[in-house]
Amino acid sequence: MSKENDIFTRFEKGTLDLASAFWLFGVVGSFIVGFVGAFIAEFLHWIVYIPVFLILFGIIGCLYGCAENYIKDKEKKKESAVWGYLTYVYCGLSIVGLIANGYDIIKSI
């Protein structure tokens, strides 16, 4: 498999299909990063949250890019792009959740 066909590269470029991007990275990947990161931070130091938040922001940004390409493709074909728009909402709510989480962590320090 070439580097360009790698699932991570396609996700980063926003060319991975939306369903795979959403479920593999947006749901499962975010859960794993958040869970493992919080677990490690509780045992080591709160500073571990910084790379966790950066990774989660990156996942949300790449997922947004996949949704954007999905919407462009669907509009070109004159098909419904509702899943792309719902993914935009998911990304927005995820950002709000990350900011609220970060605020709570900072308050607890």
PDB file of N, CA and C in Angstrom:
ATOM      1  N   MET A   1       0.841  -1.170   0.000  1.00  0.00           N
ATOM      2  CA  MET A   1       0.000   0.000   0.000  1.00  0.00           C
ATOM      3  C   MET A   1       0.890   1.238   0.000  1.00  0.00           C
ATOM      4  N   SER A   2       0.629   2.144  -0.915  1.00  0.00           N
ATOM      5  CA  SER A   2       1.439   3.355  -0.998  1.00  0.00           C
ATOM      6  C   SER A   2       1.016   4.335   0.091  1.00  0.00           C
ATOM      7  N   LYS A   3       1.887   5.281   0.356  1.00  0.00           N
ATOM      8  CA  LYS A   3       1.633   6.283   1.396  1.00  0.00           C
ATOM      9  C   LYS A   3       0.377   7.093   1.080  1.00  0.00           C
ATOM     10  N   GLU A   4       0.118   7.355  -0.202  1.00  0.00           N
ATOM     11  CA  GLU A   4      -1.045   8.156  -0.587  1.00  0.00           C
ATOM     12  C   GLU A   4      -2.352   7.412  -0.382  1.00  0.00           C
ATOM     13  N   ASN A   5      -2.334   6.081  -0.413  1.00  0.00           N
ATOM     14  CA  ASN A   5      -3.548   5.297  -0.221  1.00  0.00           C
ATOM     15  C   ASN A   5      -3.748   4.892   1.244  1.00  0.00           C
ATOM     16  N   ASP A   6      -2.815   5.261   2.089  1.00  0.00           N
ATOM     17  CA  ASP A   6      -2.900   4.954   3.502  1.00  0.00           C
ATOM     18  C   ASP A   6      -4.122   5.655   4.103  1.00  0.00           C
ATOM     19  N   ILE A   7      -4.853   4.963   4.972  1.00  0.00           N
ATOM     20  CA  ILE A   7      -6.086   5.507   5.539  1.00  0.00           C
ATOM     21  C   ILE A   7      -5.828   6.782   6.341  1.00  0.00           C
ATOM     22  N   PHE A   8      -4.696   6.853   7.027  1.00  0.00           N
ATOM     23  CA  PHE A   8      -4.363   8.031   7.811  1.00  0.00           C
ATOM     24  C   PHE A   8      -4.077   9.232   6.912  1.00  0.00           C
ATOM     25  N   THR A   9      -3.391   9.002   5.812  1.00  0.00           N
ATOM     26  CA  THR A   9      -3.087  10.072   4.863  1.00  0.00           C
ATOM     27  C   THR A   9      -4.362  10.588   4.211  1.00  0.00           C
ATOM     28  N   ARG A  10      -5.235   9.677   3.812  1.00  0.00           N
ATOM     29  CA  ARG A  10      -6.509  10.100   3.207  1.00  0.00           C
ATOM     30  C   ARG A  10      -7.358  10.865   4.220  1.00  0.00           C
ATOM     31  N   PHE A  11      -7.346  10.439   5.476  1.00  0.00           N
ATOM     32  CA  PHE A  11      -8.088  11.159   6.505  1.00  0.00           C
ATOM     33  C   PHE A  11      -7.517  12.557   6.692  1.00  0.00           C
ATOM     34  N   GLU A  12      -6.201  12.644   6.754  1.00  0.00           N
ATOM     35  CA  GLU A  12      -5.534  13.937   6.941  1.00  0.00           C
ATOM     36  C   GLU A  12      -5.834  14.896   5.793  1.00  0.00           C
ATOM     37  N   LYS A  13      -5.882  14.364   4.576  1.00  0.00           N
ATOM     38  CA  LYS A  13      -6.157  15.195   3.398  1.00  0.00           C
ATOM     39  C   LYS A  13      -7.642  15.480   3.202  1.00  0.00           C
ATOM     40  N   GLY A  14      -8.490  14.778   3.949  1.00  0.00           N
ATOM     41  CA  GLY A  14      -9.929  14.964   3.812  1.00  0.00           C
ATOM     42  C   GLY A  14     -10.539  14.179   2.675  1.00  0.00           C
ATOM     43  N   THR A  15      -9.798  13.204   2.153  1.00  0.00           N
ATOM     44  CA  THR A  15     -10.294  12.425   1.018  1.00  0.00           C
ATOM     45  C   THR A  15     -10.855  11.059   1.424  1.00  0.00           C
ATOM     46  N   LEU A  16     -10.781  10.722   2.701  1.00  0.00           N
ATOM     47  CA  LEU A  16     -11.358   9.467   3.174  1.00  0.00           C
ATOM     48  C   LEU A  16     -12.879   9.602   3.147  1.00  0.00           C
ATOM     49  N   ASP A  17     -13.579   8.508   2.794  1.00  0.00           N
ATOM     50  CA  ASP A  17     -15.035   8.597   2.753  1.00  0.00           C
ATOM     51  C   ASP A  17     -15.565   8.968   4.133  1.00  0.00           C
ATOM     52  N   LEU A  18     -16.671   9.704   4.149  1.00  0.00           N
ATOM     53  CA  LEU A  18     -17.173  10.291   5.385  1.00  0.00           C
ATOM     54  C   LEU A  18     -17.553   9.249   6.434  1.00  0.00           C
ATOM     55  N   ALA A  19     -18.177   8.158   6.021  1.00  0.00           N
ATOM     56  CA  ALA A  19     -18.594   7.138   6.986  1.00  0.00           C
ATOM     57  C   ALA A  19     -17.384   6.559   7.724  1.00  0.00           C
ATOM     58  N   SER A  20     -16.346   6.209   6.987  1.00  0.00           N
ATOM     59  CA  SER A  20     -15.134   5.668   7.616  1.00  0.00           C
ATOM     60  C   SER A  20     -14.470   6.707   8.507  1.00  0.00           C
ATOM     61  N   ALA A  21     -14.375   7.936   8.010  1.00  0.00           N
ATOM     62  CA  ALA A  21     -13.751   9.003   8.784  1.00  0.00           C
ATOM     63  C   ALA A  21     -14.500   9.244  10.090  1.00  0.00           C
ATOM     64  N   PHE A  22     -15.824   9.293   9.996  1.00  0.00           N
ATOM     65  CA  PHE A  22     -16.634   9.572  11.177  1.00  0.00           C
ATOM     66  C   PHE A  22     -16.523   8.467  12.213  1.00  0.00           C
ATOM     67  N   TRP A  23     -16.747   7.223  11.784  1.00  0.00           N
ATOM     68  CA  TRP A  23     -16.789   6.124  12.749  1.00  0.00           C
ATOM     69  C   TRP A  23     -15.407   5.704  13.235  1.00  0.00           C
ATOM     70  N   LEU A  24     -14.427   5.620  12.319  1.00  0.00           N
ATOM     71  CA  LEU A  24     -13.092   5.166  12.728  1.00  0.00           C
ATOM     72  C   LEU A  24     -12.338   6.219  13.526  1.00  0.00           C
ATOM     73  N   PHE A  25     -12.375   7.444  13.045  1.00  0.00           N
ATOM     74  CA  PHE A  25     -11.594   8.495  13.687  1.00  0.00           C
ATOM     75  C   PHE A  25     -12.430   9.366  14.621  1.00  0.00           C
ATOM     76  N   GLY A  26     -13.585   9.841  14.122  1.00  0.00           N
ATOM     77  CA  GLY A  26     -14.416  10.739  14.912  1.00  0.00           C
ATOM     78  C   GLY A  26     -14.989  10.112  16.162  1.00  0.00           C
ATOM     79  N   VAL A  27     -15.365   8.849  16.090  1.00  0.00           N
ATOM     80  CA  VAL A  27     -15.964   8.186  17.251  1.00  0.00           C
ATOM     81  C   VAL A  27     -14.938   7.295  17.960  1.00  0.00           C
ATOM     82  N   VAL A  28     -14.473   6.252  17.290  1.00  0.00           N
ATOM     83  CA  VAL A  28     -13.583   5.284  17.938  1.00  0.00           C
ATOM     84  C   VAL A  28     -12.221   5.906  18.274  1.00  0.00           C
ATOM     85  N   GLY A  29     -11.610   6.561  17.314  1.00  0.00           N
ATOM     86  CA  GLY A  29     -10.288   7.160  17.548  1.00  0.00           C
ATOM     87  C   GLY A  29     -10.318   8.212  18.634  1.00  0.00           C
ATOM     88  N   SER A  30     -11.323   9.085  18.608  1.00  0.00           N
ATOM     89  CA  SER A  30     -11.440  10.122  19.637  1.00  0.00           C
ATOM     90  C   SER A  30     -11.649   9.514  21.015  1.00  0.00           C
ATOM     91  N   PHE A  31     -12.476   8.466  21.071  1.00  0.00           N
ATOM     92  CA  PHE A  31     -12.714   7.810  22.353  1.00  0.00           C
ATOM     93  C   PHE A  31     -11.427   7.215  22.908  1.00  0.00           C
ATOM     94  N   ILE A  32     -10.698   6.520  22.064  1.00  0.00           N
ATOM     95  CA  ILE A  32      -9.458   5.873  22.520  1.00  0.00           C
ATOM     96  C   ILE A  32      -8.443   6.917  22.981  1.00  0.00           C
ATOM     97  N   VAL A  33      -8.246   7.955  22.180  1.00  0.00           N
ATOM     98  CA  VAL A  33      -7.283   9.006  22.546  1.00  0.00           C
ATOM     99  C   VAL A  33      -7.708   9.672  23.850  1.00  0.00           C
ATOM    100  N   GLY A  34      -8.979  10.024  23.966  1.00  0.00           N
ATOM    101  CA  GLY A  34      -9.465  10.686  25.174  1.00  0.00           C
ATOM    102  C   GLY A  34      -9.374   9.806  26.404  1.00  0.00           C
ATOM    103  N   PHE A  35      -9.782   8.547  26.265  1.00  0.00           N
ATOM    104  CA  PHE A  35      -9.781   7.626  27.399  1.00  0.00           C
ATOM    105  C   PHE A  35      -8.358   7.322  27.863  1.00  0.00           C
ATOM    106  N   VAL A  36      -7.508   6.941  26.939  1.00  0.00           N
ATOM    107  CA  VAL A  36      -6.125   6.611  27.294  1.00  0.00           C
ATOM    108  C   VAL A  36      -5.398   7.846  27.815  1.00  0.00           C
ATOM    109  N   GLY A  37      -5.625   8.985  27.170  1.00  0.00           N
ATOM    110  CA  GLY A  37      -4.974  10.215  27.615  1.00  0.00           C
ATOM    111  C   GLY A  37      -5.384  10.619  29.022  1.00  0.00           C
ATOM    112  N   ALA A  38      -6.679  10.534  29.312  1.00  0.00           N
ATOM    113  CA  ALA A  38      -7.164  10.886  30.650  1.00  0.00           C
ATOM    114  C   ALA A  38      -6.640   9.896  31.691  1.00  0.00           C
ATOM    115  N   PHE A  39      -6.600   8.636  31.328  1.00  0.00           N
ATOM    116  CA  PHE A  39      -6.091   7.605  32.234  1.00  0.00           C
ATOM    117  C   PHE A  39      -4.628   7.870  32.588  1.00  0.00           C
ATOM    118  N   ILE A  40      -3.833   8.159  31.567  1.00  0.00           N
ATOM    119  CA  ILE A  40      -2.407   8.438  31.797  1.00  0.00           C
ATOM    120  C   ILE A  40      -2.227   9.726  32.592  1.00  0.00           C
ATOM    121  N   ALA A  41      -3.017  10.751  32.263  1.00  0.00           N
ATOM    122  CA  ALA A  41      -2.899  12.035  32.951  1.00  0.00           C
ATOM    123  C   ALA A  41      -3.240  11.909  34.434  1.00  0.00           C
ATOM    124  N   GLU A  42      -4.200  11.071  34.763  1.00  0.00           N
ATOM    125  CA  GLU A  42      -4.564  10.887  36.171  1.00  0.00           C
ATOM    126  C   GLU A  42      -3.433  10.264  36.973  1.00  0.00           C
ATOM    127  N   PHE A  43      -2.641   9.431  36.331  1.00  0.00           N
ATOM    128  CA  PHE A  43      -1.552   8.762  37.043  1.00  0.00           C
ATOM    129  C   PHE A  43      -0.234   9.519  36.965  1.00  0.00           C
ATOM    130  N   LEU A  44      -0.036  10.298  35.933  1.00  0.00           N
ATOM    131  CA  LEU A  44       1.231  11.011  35.781  1.00  0.00           C
ATOM    132  C   LEU A  44       1.098  12.481  36.161  1.00  0.00           C
ATOM    133  N   HIS A  45       0.554  13.259  35.237  1.00  0.00           N
ATOM    134  CA  HIS A  45       0.515  14.706  35.431  1.00  0.00           C
ATOM    135  C   HIS A  45      -0.504  15.298  34.471  1.00  0.00           C
ATOM    136  N   TRP A  46      -1.118  16.407  34.866  1.00  0.00           N
ATOM    137  CA  TRP A  46      -2.123  17.037  34.011  1.00  0.00           C
ATOM    138  C   TRP A  46      -1.551  17.493  32.664  1.00  0.00           C
ATOM    139  N   ILE A  47      -0.258  17.688  32.574  1.00  0.00           N
ATOM    140  CA  ILE A  47       0.374  18.173  31.337  1.00  0.00           C
ATOM    141  C   ILE A  47       0.142  17.211  30.169  1.00  0.00           C
ATOM    142  N   VAL A  48      -0.161  15.961  30.475  1.00  0.00           N
ATOM    143  CA  VAL A  48      -0.437  14.961  29.439  1.00  0.00           C
ATOM    144  C   VAL A  48      -1.668  15.357  28.625  1.00  0.00           C
ATOM    145  N   TYR A  49      -2.551  16.157  29.214  1.00  0.00           N
ATOM    146  CA  TYR A  49      -3.751  16.587  28.491  1.00  0.00           C
ATOM    147  C   TYR A  49      -3.430  17.456  27.272  1.00  0.00           C
ATOM    148  N   ILE A  50      -2.303  18.132  27.291  1.00  0.00           N
ATOM    149  CA  ILE A  50      -1.974  19.031  26.172  1.00  0.00           C
ATOM    150  C   ILE A  50      -1.854  18.268  24.854  1.00  0.00           C
ATOM    151  N   PRO A  51      -1.012  17.224  24.757  1.00  0.00           N
ATOM    152  CA  PRO A  51      -0.973  16.504  23.483  1.00  0.00           C
ATOM    153  C   PRO A  51      -2.298  15.796  23.164  1.00  0.00           C
ATOM    154  N   VAL A  52      -3.019  15.366  24.200  1.00  0.00           N
ATOM    155  CA  VAL A  52      -4.322  14.731  23.962  1.00  0.00           C
ATOM    156  C   VAL A  52      -5.258  15.731  23.288  1.00  0.00           C
ATOM    157  N   PHE A  53      -5.319  16.948  23.807  1.00  0.00           N
ATOM    158  CA  PHE A  53      -6.187  17.963  23.221  1.00  0.00           C
ATOM    159  C   PHE A  53      -5.746  18.322  21.808  1.00  0.00           C
ATOM    160  N   LEU A  54      -4.452  18.393  21.577  1.00  0.00           N
ATOM    161  CA  LEU A  54      -3.955  18.697  20.230  1.00  0.00           C
ATOM    162  C   LEU A  54      -4.342  17.594  19.243  1.00  0.00           C
ATOM    163  N   ILE A  55      -4.215  16.349  19.663  1.00  0.00           N
ATOM    164  CA  ILE A  55      -4.603  15.231  18.793  1.00  0.00           C
ATOM    165  C   ILE A  55      -6.105  15.280  18.514  1.00  0.00           C
ATOM    166  N   LEU A  56      -6.904  15.532  19.548  1.00  0.00           N
ATOM    167  CA  LEU A  56      -8.352  15.586  19.355  1.00  0.00           C
ATOM    168  C   LEU A  56      -8.760  16.750  18.454  1.00  0.00           C
ATOM    169  N   PHE A  57      -8.126  17.904  18.612  1.00  0.00           N
ATOM    170  CA  PHE A  57      -8.390  19.026  17.712  1.00  0.00           C
ATOM    171  C   PHE A  57      -8.017  18.655  16.279  1.00  0.00           C
ATOM    172  N   GLY A  58      -6.912  17.942  16.114  1.00  0.00           N
ATOM    173  CA  GLY A  58      -6.502  17.493  14.779  1.00  0.00           C
ATOM    174  C   GLY A  58      -7.502  16.537  14.169  1.00  0.00           C
ATOM    175  N   ILE A  59      -8.013  15.598  14.961  1.00  0.00           N
ATOM    176  CA  ILE A  59      -9.020  14.657  14.466  1.00  0.00           C
ATOM    177  C   ILE A  59     -10.262  15.410  14.014  1.00  0.00           C
ATOM    178  N   ILE A  60     -10.696  16.361  14.826  1.00  0.00           N
ATOM    179  CA  ILE A  60     -11.895  17.137  14.472  1.00  0.00           C
ATOM    180  C   ILE A  60     -11.657  17.934  13.196  1.00  0.00           C
ATOM    181  N   GLY A  61     -10.478  18.529  13.062  1.00  0.00           N
ATOM    182  CA  GLY A  61     -10.163  19.298  11.858  1.00  0.00           C
ATOM    183  C   GLY A  61     -10.152  18.435  10.610  1.00  0.00           C
ATOM    184  N   CYS A  62      -9.576  17.257  10.694  1.00  0.00           N
ATOM    185  CA  CYS A  62      -9.537  16.349   9.544  1.00  0.00           C
ATOM    186  C   CYS A  62     -10.928  15.816   9.224  1.00  0.00           C
ATOM    187  N   LEU A  63     -11.718  15.546  10.253  1.00  0.00           N
ATOM    188  CA  LEU A  63     -13.089  15.092  10.039  1.00  0.00           C
ATOM    189  C   LEU A  63     -13.902  16.179   9.352  1.00  0.00           C
ATOM    190  N   TYR A  64     -13.682  17.410   9.736  1.00  0.00           N
ATOM    191  CA  TYR A  64     -14.339  18.552   9.095  1.00  0.00           C
ATOM    192  C   TYR A  64     -13.971  18.610   7.611  1.00  0.00           C
ATOM    193  N   GLY A  65     -12.699  18.354   7.307  1.00  0.00           N
ATOM    194  CA  GLY A  65     -12.248  18.345   5.911  1.00  0.00           C
ATOM    195  C   GLY A  65     -12.915  17.238   5.103  1.00  0.00           C
ATOM    196  N   CYS A  66     -13.090  16.071   5.712  1.00  0.00           N
ATOM    197  CA  CYS A  66     -13.784  14.962   5.035  1.00  0.00           C
ATOM    198  C   CYS A  66     -15.241  15.325   4.778  1.00  0.00           C
ATOM    199  N   ALA A  67     -15.871  15.988   5.752  1.00  0.00           N
ATOM    200  CA  ALA A  67     -17.261  16.416   5.582  1.00  0.00           C
ATOM    201  C   ALA A  67     -17.367  17.453   4.470  1.00  0.00           C
ATOM    202  N   GLU A  68     -16.399  18.349   4.418  1.00  0.00           N
ATOM    203  CA  GLU A  68     -16.390  19.386   3.383  1.00  0.00           C
ATOM    204  C   GLU A  68     -16.304  18.765   1.986  1.00  0.00           C
ATOM    205  N   ASN A  69     -15.406  17.798   1.814  1.00  0.00           N
ATOM    206  CA  ASN A  69     -15.292  17.121   0.515  1.00  0.00           C
ATOM    207  C   ASN A  69     -16.540  16.309   0.196  1.00  0.00           C
ATOM    208  N   TYR A  70     -17.142  15.697   1.201  1.00  0.00           N
ATOM    209  CA  TYR A  70     -18.381  14.939   1.023  1.00  0.00           C
ATOM    210  C   TYR A  70     -19.488  15.861   0.507  1.00  0.00           C
ATOM    211  N   ILE A  71     -19.605  17.026   1.130  1.00  0.00           N
ATOM    212  CA  ILE A  71     -20.639  17.984   0.728  1.00  0.00           C
ATOM    213  C   ILE A  71     -20.411  18.459  -0.700  1.00  0.00           C
ATOM    214  N   LYS A  72     -19.178  18.793  -1.040  1.00  0.00           N
ATOM    215  CA  LYS A  72     -18.867  19.235  -2.407  1.00  0.00           C
ATOM    216  C   LYS A  72     -19.224  18.157  -3.424  1.00  0.00           C
ATOM    217  N   ASP A  73     -18.885  16.909  -3.123  1.00  0.00           N
ATOM    218  CA  ASP A  73     -19.171  15.794  -4.013  1.00  0.00           C
ATOM    219  C   ASP A  73     -20.677  15.595  -4.186  1.00  0.00           C
ATOM    220  N   LYS A  74     -21.401  15.638  -3.082  1.00  0.00           N
ATOM    221  CA  LYS A  74     -22.856  15.437  -3.138  1.00  0.00           C
ATOM    222  C   LYS A  74     -23.543  16.585  -3.877  1.00  0.00           C
ATOM    223  N   GLU A  75     -23.102  17.797  -3.660  1.00  0.00           N
ATOM    224  CA  GLU A  75     -23.713  18.945  -4.348  1.00  0.00           C
ATOM    225  C   GLU A  75     -23.430  18.906  -5.847  1.00  0.00           C
ATOM    226  N   LYS A  76     -22.250  18.433  -6.205  1.00  0.00           N
ATOM    227  CA  LYS A  76     -21.914  18.285  -7.615  1.00  0.00           C
ATOM    228  C   LYS A  76     -22.846  17.281  -8.292  1.00  0.00           C
ATOM    229  N   LYS A  77     -23.195  16.218  -7.565  1.00  0.00           N
ATOM    230  CA  LYS A  77     -24.071  15.167  -8.089  1.00  0.00           C
ATOM    231  C   LYS A  77     -25.551  15.496  -7.884  1.00  0.00           C
ATOM    232  N   LYS A  78     -25.815  16.669  -7.272  1.00  0.00           N
ATOM    233  CA  LYS A  78     -27.194  17.087  -6.959  1.00  0.00           C
ATOM    234  C   LYS A  78     -27.890  16.079  -6.045  1.00  0.00           C
ATOM    235  N   GLU A  79     -27.146  15.571  -5.054  1.00  0.00           N
ATOM    236  CA  GLU A  79     -27.678  14.636  -4.066  1.00  0.00           C
ATOM    237  C   GLU A  79     -27.679  15.304  -2.693  1.00  0.00           C
ATOM    238  N   SER A  80     -28.383  14.689  -1.767  1.00  0.00           N
ATOM    239  CA  SER A  80     -28.459  15.218  -0.412  1.00  0.00           C
ATOM    240  C   SER A  80     -27.097  15.125   0.277  1.00  0.00           C
ATOM    241  N   ALA A  81     -26.713  16.205   0.930  1.00  0.00           N
ATOM    242  CA  ALA A  81     -25.438  16.258   1.658  1.00  0.00           C
ATOM    243  C   ALA A  81     -25.681  16.338   3.160  1.00  0.00           C
ATOM    244  N   VAL A  82     -26.833  15.850   3.609  1.00  0.00           N
ATOM    245  CA  VAL A  82     -27.221  16.004   5.008  1.00  0.00           C
ATOM    246  C   VAL A  82     -26.191  15.410   5.970  1.00  0.00           C
ATOM    247  N   TRP A  83     -25.570  14.278   5.623  1.00  0.00           N
ATOM    248  CA  TRP A  83     -24.591  13.673   6.527  1.00  0.00           C
ATOM    249  C   TRP A  83     -23.359  14.555   6.689  1.00  0.00           C
ATOM    250  N   GLY A  84     -23.003  15.265   5.647  1.00  0.00           N
ATOM    251  CA  GLY A  84     -21.880  16.196   5.753  1.00  0.00           C
ATOM    252  C   GLY A  84     -22.200  17.344   6.697  1.00  0.00           C
ATOM    253  N   TYR A  85     -23.415  17.885   6.575  1.00  0.00           N
ATOM    254  CA  TYR A  85     -23.817  18.988   7.447  1.00  0.00           C
ATOM    255  C   TYR A  85     -23.962  18.526   8.897  1.00  0.00           C
ATOM    256  N   LEU A  86     -24.475  17.327   9.093  1.00  0.00           N
ATOM    257  CA  LEU A  86     -24.570  16.790  10.451  1.00  0.00           C
ATOM    258  C   LEU A  86     -23.182  16.554  11.047  1.00  0.00           C
ATOM    259  N   THR A  87     -22.230  16.207  10.202  1.00  0.00           N
ATOM    260  CA  THR A  87     -20.852  16.049  10.676  1.00  0.00           C
ATOM    261  C   THR A  87     -20.268  17.396  11.077  1.00  0.00           C
ATOM    262  N   TYR A  88     -20.630  18.467  10.349  1.00  0.00           N
ATOM    263  CA  TYR A  88     -20.223  19.814  10.760  1.00  0.00           C
ATOM    264  C   TYR A  88     -20.734  20.110  12.173  1.00  0.00           C
ATOM    265  N   VAL A  89     -21.982  19.765  12.425  1.00  0.00           N
ATOM    266  CA  VAL A  89     -22.568  19.988  13.757  1.00  0.00           C
ATOM    267  C   VAL A  89     -21.802  19.182  14.806  1.00  0.00           C
ATOM    268  N   TYR A  90     -21.522  17.917  14.493  1.00  0.00           N
ATOM    269  CA  TYR A  90     -20.757  17.057  15.398  1.00  0.00           C
ATOM    270  C   TYR A  90     -19.396  17.692  15.704  1.00  0.00           C
ATOM    271  N   CYS A  91     -18.720  18.191  14.676  1.00  0.00           N
ATOM    272  CA  CYS A  91     -17.406  18.815  14.875  1.00  0.00           C
ATOM    273  C   CYS A  91     -17.534  20.056  15.760  1.00  0.00           C
ATOM    274  N   GLY A  92     -18.547  20.869  15.515  1.00  0.00           N
ATOM    275  CA  GLY A  92     -18.749  22.068  16.322  1.00  0.00           C
ATOM    276  C   GLY A  92     -19.012  21.736  17.782  1.00  0.00           C
ATOM    277  N   LEU A  93     -19.886  20.762  18.011  1.00  0.00           N
ATOM    278  CA  LEU A  93     -20.176  20.354  19.387  1.00  0.00           C
ATOM    279  C   LEU A  93     -18.952  19.729  20.054  1.00  0.00           C
ATOM    280  N   SER A  94     -18.159  19.013  19.283  1.00  0.00           N
ATOM    281  CA  SER A  94     -16.934  18.415  19.832  1.00  0.00           C
ATOM    282  C   SER A  94     -15.944  19.488  20.256  1.00  0.00           C
ATOM    283  N   ILE A  95     -15.820  20.540  19.480  1.00  0.00           N
ATOM    284  CA  ILE A  95     -14.930  21.660  19.834  1.00  0.00           C
ATOM    285  C   ILE A  95     -15.414  22.317  21.122  1.00  0.00           C
ATOM    286  N   VAL A  96     -16.721  22.560  21.203  1.00  0.00           N
ATOM    287  CA  VAL A  96     -17.283  23.159  22.421  1.00  0.00           C
ATOM    288  C   VAL A  96     -17.005  22.257  23.618  1.00  0.00           C
ATOM    289  N   GLY A  97     -17.179  20.953  23.448  1.00  0.00           N
ATOM    290  CA  GLY A  97     -16.905  20.011  24.526  1.00  0.00           C
ATOM    291  C   GLY A  97     -15.447  20.007  24.939  1.00  0.00           C
ATOM    292  N   LEU A  98     -14.545  20.074  23.975  1.00  0.00           N
ATOM    293  CA  LEU A  98     -13.113  20.117  24.300  1.00  0.00           C
ATOM    294  C   LEU A  98     -12.751  21.382  25.060  1.00  0.00           C
ATOM    295  N   ILE A  99     -13.321  22.496  24.638  1.00  0.00           N
ATOM    296  CA  ILE A  99     -13.042  23.762  25.325  1.00  0.00           C
ATOM    297  C   ILE A  99     -13.568  23.712  26.755  1.00  0.00           C
ATOM    298  N   ALA A 100     -14.772  23.189  26.935  1.00  0.00           N
ATOM    299  CA  ALA A 100     -15.340  23.073  28.281  1.00  0.00           C
ATOM    300  C   ALA A 100     -14.506  22.132  29.144  1.00  0.00           C
ATOM    301  N   ASN A 101     -14.067  21.036  28.564  1.00  0.00           N
ATOM    302  CA  ASN A 101     -13.215  20.085  29.282  1.00  0.00           C
ATOM    303  C   ASN A 101     -11.895  20.736  29.685  1.00  0.00           C
ATOM    304  N   GLY A 102     -11.299  21.448  28.756  1.00  0.00           N
ATOM    305  CA  GLY A 102     -10.046  22.143  29.041  1.00  0.00           C
ATOM    306  C   GLY A 102     -10.215  23.158  30.156  1.00  0.00           C
ATOM    307  N   TYR A 103     -11.328  23.874  30.129  1.00  0.00           N
ATOM    308  CA  TYR A 103     -11.620  24.852  31.183  1.00  0.00           C
ATOM    309  C   TYR A 103     -11.734  24.168  32.541  1.00  0.00           C
ATOM    310  N   ASP A 104     -12.438  23.041  32.583  1.00  0.00           N
ATOM    311  CA  ASP A 104     -12.570  22.291  33.830  1.00  0.00           C
ATOM    312  C   ASP A 104     -11.225  21.795  34.347  1.00  0.00           C
ATOM    313  N   ILE A 105     -10.381  21.345  33.450  1.00  0.00           N
ATOM    314  CA  ILE A 105      -9.057  20.855  33.854  1.00  0.00           C
ATOM    315  C   ILE A 105      -8.229  21.996  34.410  1.00  0.00           C
ATOM    316  N   ILE A 106      -8.264  23.146  33.744  1.00  0.00           N
ATOM    317  CA  ILE A 106      -7.502  24.305  34.210  1.00  0.00           C
ATOM    318  C   ILE A 106      -8.002  24.763  35.571  1.00  0.00           C
ATOM    319  N   LYS A 107      -9.321  24.758  35.771  1.00  0.00           N
ATOM    320  CA  LYS A 107      -9.902  25.152  37.067  1.00  0.00           C
ATOM    321  C   LYS A 107      -9.452  24.226  38.196  1.00  0.00           C
ATOM    322  N   SER A 108      -9.246  22.952  37.881  1.00  0.00           N
ATOM    323  CA  SER A 108      -8.915  21.974  38.912  1.00  0.00           C
ATOM    324  C   SER A 108      -7.435  21.940  39.273  1.00  0.00           C
ATOM    325  N   ILE A 109      -6.632  22.665  38.542  1.00  0.00           N
ATOM    326  CA  ILE A 109      -5.177  22.655  38.795  1.00  0.00           C
ATOM    327  C   ILE A 109      -4.857  23.492  40.012  1.00  0.00           C
TER     328      ILE A 109
END
